[in-house]
């Protein structure tokens, strides 16, 4: 039971990390120090996707699932849990690059806004 709960906890943390990578720059509008945490996380997320390296959280979740007697899954976290949302059927590689560019552009705009807005 412990391993099953731990696997679920890792799944939730993994999803939270992905959301933070995508939108964490918005937290810097609230507290600028979040930029120091978000930028390395965003860089890691970008490298994992761009280089196709596995995220250690996927391996940890699979190990915990196996220890709990649950089925391991093939591929990585995104492929298993988020592929249908992030990469809908018919998605091309060019569309992936456009979406990746949109995420980068969004975060650049957020950081421009955050650091050009005077602090009170």
N, C-alpha and C. Protein backbone atom coordinates (compact mmCIF):
# COMPACT_ATOMS: atom_id res chain seq x y z
N UNK A 1 0.81 -1.19 0.00
CA UNK A 1 0.00 0.00 0.00
C UNK A 1 0.86 1.26 0.00
N UNK A 2 1.96 1.23 0.80
CA UNK A 2 2.85 2.39 0.86
C UNK A 2 3.40 2.72 -0.52
N UNK A 3 3.85 1.70 -1.25
CA UNK A 3 4.45 1.94 -2.56
C UNK A 3 3.44 2.49 -3.56
N UNK A 4 2.22 2.03 -3.47
CA UNK A 4 1.17 2.55 -4.35
C UNK A 4 0.89 4.02 -4.07
N UNK A 5 0.82 4.37 -2.78
CA UNK A 5 0.61 5.77 -2.41
C UNK A 5 1.80 6.63 -2.82
N UNK A 6 2.99 6.07 -2.63
CA UNK A 6 4.20 6.81 -3.02
C UNK A 6 4.24 7.03 -4.53
N UNK A 7 3.86 6.02 -5.31
CA UNK A 7 3.81 6.17 -6.77
C UNK A 7 2.82 7.24 -7.17
N UNK A 8 1.67 7.29 -6.51
CA UNK A 8 0.67 8.31 -6.79
C UNK A 8 1.20 9.69 -6.40
N UNK A 9 1.90 9.78 -5.30
CA UNK A 9 2.48 11.06 -4.87
C UNK A 9 3.50 11.55 -5.90
N UNK A 10 4.33 10.65 -6.41
CA UNK A 10 5.31 11.03 -7.43
C UNK A 10 4.59 11.50 -8.69
N UNK A 11 3.51 10.82 -9.05
CA UNK A 11 2.71 11.22 -10.21
C UNK A 11 2.20 12.66 -10.04
N UNK A 12 1.70 12.99 -8.86
CA UNK A 12 1.18 14.33 -8.59
C UNK A 12 2.31 15.36 -8.61
N UNK A 13 3.43 15.03 -8.00
CA UNK A 13 4.58 15.94 -8.00
C UNK A 13 5.06 16.17 -9.43
N UNK A 14 5.08 15.12 -10.23
CA UNK A 14 5.53 15.21 -11.62
C UNK A 14 4.62 16.16 -12.40
N UNK A 15 3.33 16.00 -12.25
CA UNK A 15 2.39 16.88 -12.93
C UNK A 15 2.54 18.32 -12.44
N UNK A 16 2.71 18.50 -11.14
CA UNK A 16 2.90 19.85 -10.59
C UNK A 16 4.17 20.49 -11.14
N UNK A 17 5.21 19.69 -11.30
CA UNK A 17 6.47 20.22 -11.85
C UNK A 17 6.26 20.68 -13.29
N UNK A 18 5.54 19.90 -14.08
CA UNK A 18 5.29 20.28 -15.47
C UNK A 18 4.49 21.59 -15.53
N UNK A 19 3.49 21.71 -14.69
CA UNK A 19 2.69 22.94 -14.66
C UNK A 19 3.58 24.12 -14.22
N UNK A 20 4.46 23.88 -13.25
CA UNK A 20 5.37 24.93 -12.80
C UNK A 20 6.32 25.34 -13.92
N UNK A 21 6.84 24.37 -14.67
CA UNK A 21 7.72 24.69 -15.79
C UNK A 21 7.00 25.58 -16.80
N UNK A 22 5.75 25.26 -17.08
CA UNK A 22 4.99 26.01 -18.07
C UNK A 22 4.58 27.40 -17.59
N UNK A 23 4.11 27.50 -16.35
CA UNK A 23 3.49 28.74 -15.88
C UNK A 23 4.15 29.36 -14.65
N UNK A 24 5.26 28.80 -14.20
CA UNK A 24 5.91 29.29 -12.98
C UNK A 24 6.40 30.71 -13.08
N UNK A 25 6.65 31.18 -14.29
CA UNK A 25 7.08 32.57 -14.44
C UNK A 25 6.06 33.55 -13.91
N UNK A 26 4.79 33.16 -13.94
CA UNK A 26 3.74 34.03 -13.41
C UNK A 26 3.90 34.26 -11.90
N UNK A 27 4.48 33.29 -11.21
CA UNK A 27 4.71 33.46 -9.77
C UNK A 27 5.73 34.57 -9.49
N UNK A 28 6.61 34.81 -10.46
CA UNK A 28 7.60 35.88 -10.30
C UNK A 28 6.94 37.25 -10.28
N UNK A 29 5.73 37.35 -10.81
CA UNK A 29 5.00 38.62 -10.73
C UNK A 29 4.58 38.88 -9.28
N UNK A 30 4.39 37.83 -8.54
CA UNK A 30 4.00 37.94 -7.14
C UNK A 30 5.22 38.15 -6.26
N UNK A 31 6.20 37.26 -6.41
CA UNK A 31 7.47 37.34 -5.68
C UNK A 31 8.59 37.09 -6.69
N UNK A 32 9.41 38.08 -6.89
CA UNK A 32 10.44 37.98 -7.93
C UNK A 32 11.43 36.85 -7.70
N UNK A 33 11.61 36.44 -6.46
CA UNK A 33 12.57 35.37 -6.19
C UNK A 33 12.14 34.04 -6.83
N UNK A 34 10.86 33.93 -7.21
CA UNK A 34 10.42 32.71 -7.89
C UNK A 34 11.15 32.52 -9.21
N UNK A 35 11.63 33.59 -9.81
CA UNK A 35 12.37 33.49 -11.06
C UNK A 35 13.63 32.63 -10.86
N UNK A 36 14.26 32.76 -9.71
CA UNK A 36 15.47 31.98 -9.43
C UNK A 36 15.17 30.49 -9.31
N UNK A 37 13.95 30.15 -9.01
CA UNK A 37 13.54 28.74 -8.91
C UNK A 37 12.97 28.28 -10.25
N UNK A 38 12.21 29.15 -10.89
CA UNK A 38 11.53 28.76 -12.13
C UNK A 38 12.49 28.59 -13.30
N UNK A 39 13.44 29.49 -13.48
CA UNK A 39 14.31 29.42 -14.65
C UNK A 39 15.11 28.12 -14.73
N UNK A 40 15.72 27.63 -13.64
CA UNK A 40 16.38 26.33 -13.73
C UNK A 40 15.40 25.18 -14.00
N UNK A 41 14.21 25.26 -13.41
CA UNK A 41 13.20 24.22 -13.66
C UNK A 41 12.78 24.24 -15.12
N UNK A 42 12.58 25.43 -15.68
CA UNK A 42 12.19 25.55 -17.08
C UNK A 42 13.31 25.05 -17.99
N UNK A 43 14.54 25.35 -17.64
CA UNK A 43 15.68 24.87 -18.43
C UNK A 43 15.74 23.34 -18.40
N UNK A 44 15.52 22.75 -17.23
CA UNK A 44 15.51 21.29 -17.11
C UNK A 44 14.40 20.69 -17.96
N UNK A 45 13.20 21.24 -17.85
CA UNK A 45 12.08 20.75 -18.64
C UNK A 45 12.36 20.84 -20.13
N UNK A 46 12.95 21.95 -20.55
CA UNK A 46 13.28 22.12 -21.96
C UNK A 46 14.30 21.08 -22.40
N UNK A 47 15.36 20.88 -21.60
CA UNK A 47 16.40 19.91 -21.97
C UNK A 47 15.87 18.49 -22.02
N UNK A 48 15.03 18.13 -21.07
CA UNK A 48 14.46 16.78 -21.07
C UNK A 48 13.70 16.52 -22.36
N UNK A 49 12.90 17.51 -22.78
CA UNK A 49 12.12 17.35 -24.01
C UNK A 49 12.98 17.47 -25.26
N UNK A 50 13.85 18.47 -25.30
CA UNK A 50 14.66 18.72 -26.50
C UNK A 50 15.66 17.60 -26.77
N UNK A 51 16.26 17.06 -25.71
CA UNK A 51 17.27 16.02 -25.87
C UNK A 51 16.69 14.62 -25.80
N UNK A 52 15.42 14.51 -25.39
CA UNK A 52 14.79 13.20 -25.31
C UNK A 52 15.34 12.34 -24.19
N UNK A 53 15.90 12.97 -23.16
CA UNK A 53 16.42 12.19 -22.02
C UNK A 53 15.27 11.92 -21.06
N UNK A 54 15.38 10.88 -20.33
CA UNK A 54 14.31 10.52 -19.40
C UNK A 54 14.37 11.36 -18.13
N UNK A 55 13.21 11.64 -17.60
CA UNK A 55 13.13 12.35 -16.32
C UNK A 55 13.24 11.34 -15.19
N UNK A 56 14.04 11.63 -14.17
CA UNK A 56 14.19 10.68 -13.06
C UNK A 56 12.88 10.39 -12.32
N UNK A 57 11.92 11.31 -12.37
CA UNK A 57 10.65 11.05 -11.70
C UNK A 57 9.88 9.90 -12.36
N UNK A 58 10.04 9.76 -13.68
CA UNK A 58 9.38 8.65 -14.38
C UNK A 58 9.93 7.32 -13.89
N UNK A 59 11.26 7.22 -13.79
CA UNK A 59 11.88 6.00 -13.29
C UNK A 59 11.47 5.69 -11.86
N UNK A 60 11.43 6.72 -11.03
CA UNK A 60 11.02 6.54 -9.63
C UNK A 60 9.58 6.05 -9.55
N UNK A 61 8.71 6.68 -10.32
CA UNK A 61 7.31 6.25 -10.29
C UNK A 61 7.17 4.80 -10.74
N UNK A 62 7.85 4.42 -11.81
CA UNK A 62 7.77 3.05 -12.29
C UNK A 62 8.32 2.05 -11.27
N UNK A 63 9.40 2.41 -10.60
CA UNK A 63 9.97 1.54 -9.57
C UNK A 63 8.97 1.35 -8.43
N UNK A 64 8.36 2.44 -8.00
CA UNK A 64 7.37 2.36 -6.91
C UNK A 64 6.14 1.56 -7.35
N UNK A 65 5.70 1.76 -8.60
CA UNK A 65 4.56 1.00 -9.12
C UNK A 65 4.88 -0.50 -9.12
N UNK A 66 6.07 -0.85 -9.55
CA UNK A 66 6.46 -2.26 -9.58
C UNK A 66 6.52 -2.83 -8.17
N UNK A 67 7.06 -2.06 -7.21
CA UNK A 67 7.13 -2.51 -5.82
C UNK A 67 5.75 -2.69 -5.21
N UNK A 68 4.77 -1.94 -5.71
CA UNK A 68 3.40 -2.04 -5.21
C UNK A 68 2.61 -3.13 -5.92
N UNK A 69 3.26 -3.80 -6.89
CA UNK A 69 2.55 -4.82 -7.65
C UNK A 69 1.67 -4.23 -8.74
N UNK A 70 1.85 -2.97 -9.02
CA UNK A 70 1.09 -2.30 -10.08
C UNK A 70 1.85 -2.44 -11.39
N UNK A 71 1.15 -2.31 -12.48
CA UNK A 71 1.79 -2.42 -13.79
C UNK A 71 2.66 -1.20 -14.04
N UNK A 72 3.86 -1.46 -14.53
CA UNK A 72 4.72 -0.37 -14.99
C UNK A 72 4.18 0.08 -16.34
N UNK A 73 4.51 1.28 -16.75
CA UNK A 73 4.08 1.72 -18.05
C UNK A 73 5.27 1.97 -18.96
N UNK A 74 5.01 1.85 -20.23
CA UNK A 74 6.05 2.07 -21.23
C UNK A 74 6.18 3.56 -21.51
N UNK A 75 7.35 3.98 -21.92
CA UNK A 75 7.56 5.38 -22.27
C UNK A 75 7.77 6.24 -21.05
N UNK A 76 7.64 7.54 -21.27
CA UNK A 76 7.85 8.47 -20.18
C UNK A 76 6.53 9.00 -19.64
N UNK A 77 6.63 9.87 -18.66
CA UNK A 77 5.44 10.41 -17.99
C UNK A 77 4.50 11.09 -18.99
N UNK A 78 5.06 11.94 -19.81
CA UNK A 78 4.23 12.69 -20.76
C UNK A 78 3.54 11.73 -21.72
N UNK A 79 4.28 10.76 -22.20
CA UNK A 79 3.71 9.79 -23.13
C UNK A 79 2.56 9.02 -22.49
N UNK A 80 2.71 8.65 -21.26
CA UNK A 80 1.71 7.83 -20.57
C UNK A 80 0.48 8.63 -20.13
N UNK A 81 0.70 9.77 -19.48
CA UNK A 81 -0.39 10.47 -18.83
C UNK A 81 -0.88 11.72 -19.55
N UNK A 82 -0.01 12.35 -20.32
CA UNK A 82 -0.37 13.64 -20.89
C UNK A 82 -0.32 13.70 -22.41
N UNK A 83 0.11 12.63 -23.05
CA UNK A 83 0.29 12.65 -24.50
C UNK A 83 -0.97 13.07 -25.22
N UNK A 84 -2.11 12.54 -24.84
CA UNK A 84 -3.37 12.85 -25.51
C UNK A 84 -3.71 14.33 -25.39
N UNK A 85 -3.24 14.98 -24.31
CA UNK A 85 -3.54 16.39 -24.10
C UNK A 85 -2.51 17.29 -24.79
N UNK A 86 -1.24 16.95 -24.62
CA UNK A 86 -0.18 17.79 -25.16
C UNK A 86 0.03 17.55 -26.65
N UNK A 87 -0.08 16.31 -27.07
CA UNK A 87 0.15 15.95 -28.47
C UNK A 87 -1.08 15.27 -29.03
N UNK A 88 -2.09 16.03 -29.39
CA UNK A 88 -3.30 15.40 -29.92
C UNK A 88 -3.02 14.66 -31.23
N UNK A 89 -3.92 13.79 -31.57
CA UNK A 89 -3.78 13.01 -32.79
C UNK A 89 -3.60 13.96 -33.97
N UNK A 90 -2.68 13.65 -34.85
CA UNK A 90 -2.42 14.49 -36.01
C UNK A 90 -1.35 15.55 -35.78
N UNK A 91 -0.78 15.58 -34.58
CA UNK A 91 0.26 16.57 -34.26
C UNK A 91 1.52 16.26 -35.06
N UNK A 92 2.06 17.25 -35.73
CA UNK A 92 3.28 17.07 -36.49
C UNK A 92 4.47 17.63 -35.72
N UNK A 93 5.66 17.30 -36.15
CA UNK A 93 6.87 17.79 -35.50
C UNK A 93 6.94 19.33 -35.60
N UNK A 94 6.53 19.86 -36.75
CA UNK A 94 6.52 21.33 -36.91
C UNK A 94 5.56 21.97 -35.91
N UNK A 95 4.42 21.34 -35.69
CA UNK A 95 3.46 21.88 -34.72
C UNK A 95 4.06 21.84 -33.31
N UNK A 96 4.84 20.80 -33.01
CA UNK A 96 5.49 20.70 -31.71
C UNK A 96 6.47 21.86 -31.51
N UNK A 97 7.23 22.16 -32.57
CA UNK A 97 8.17 23.28 -32.47
C UNK A 97 7.43 24.60 -32.28
N UNK A 98 6.31 24.77 -32.94
CA UNK A 98 5.51 26.00 -32.78
C UNK A 98 5.02 26.10 -31.34
N UNK A 99 4.51 25.00 -30.79
CA UNK A 99 4.03 25.02 -29.41
C UNK A 99 5.17 25.29 -28.43
N UNK A 100 6.33 24.66 -28.65
CA UNK A 100 7.49 24.90 -27.79
C UNK A 100 7.89 26.37 -27.86
N UNK A 101 7.88 26.93 -29.07
CA UNK A 101 8.19 28.36 -29.23
C UNK A 101 7.17 29.23 -28.52
N UNK A 102 5.91 28.83 -28.55
CA UNK A 102 4.86 29.60 -27.88
C UNK A 102 5.08 29.59 -26.36
N UNK A 103 5.49 28.45 -25.80
CA UNK A 103 5.76 28.38 -24.36
C UNK A 103 6.94 29.28 -24.01
N UNK A 104 7.99 29.24 -24.83
CA UNK A 104 9.16 30.09 -24.58
C UNK A 104 8.77 31.56 -24.70
N UNK A 105 8.03 31.90 -25.75
CA UNK A 105 7.61 33.29 -25.95
C UNK A 105 6.74 33.77 -24.80
N UNK A 106 5.83 32.93 -24.36
CA UNK A 106 4.95 33.28 -23.23
C UNK A 106 5.78 33.60 -22.00
N UNK A 107 6.73 32.74 -21.68
CA UNK A 107 7.56 32.97 -20.49
C UNK A 107 8.45 34.19 -20.66
N UNK A 108 8.96 34.43 -21.86
CA UNK A 108 9.75 35.65 -22.08
C UNK A 108 8.91 36.90 -21.85
N UNK A 109 7.69 36.88 -22.36
CA UNK A 109 6.80 38.03 -22.14
C UNK A 109 6.49 38.21 -20.66
N UNK A 110 6.26 37.11 -19.96
CA UNK A 110 5.99 37.20 -18.52
C UNK A 110 7.18 37.82 -17.81
N UNK A 111 8.39 37.36 -18.11
CA UNK A 111 9.56 37.89 -17.43
C UNK A 111 9.84 39.34 -17.82
N UNK A 112 9.59 39.70 -19.05
CA UNK A 112 9.72 41.11 -19.44
C UNK A 112 8.76 41.97 -18.63
N UNK A 113 7.54 41.50 -18.51
CA UNK A 113 6.53 42.23 -17.74
C UNK A 113 6.92 42.32 -16.27
N UNK A 114 7.36 41.19 -15.70
CA UNK A 114 7.71 41.15 -14.28
C UNK A 114 8.86 42.10 -13.97
N UNK A 115 9.90 42.07 -14.78
CA UNK A 115 11.09 42.83 -14.43
C UNK A 115 11.08 44.26 -14.97
N UNK A 116 10.09 44.60 -15.76
CA UNK A 116 9.96 46.00 -16.18
C UNK A 116 8.90 46.73 -15.37
N UNK A 117 8.13 46.00 -14.60
CA UNK A 117 7.13 46.61 -13.74
C UNK A 117 7.80 47.07 -12.45
N UNK A 118 7.67 48.34 -12.11
CA UNK A 118 8.31 48.82 -10.87
C UNK A 118 7.71 48.14 -9.64
N UNK A 119 8.56 47.87 -8.68
CA UNK A 119 8.13 47.28 -7.41
C UNK A 119 7.66 48.40 -6.48
N UNK A 120 6.67 48.10 -5.67
CA UNK A 120 6.14 49.09 -4.73
C UNK A 120 6.88 49.00 -3.42
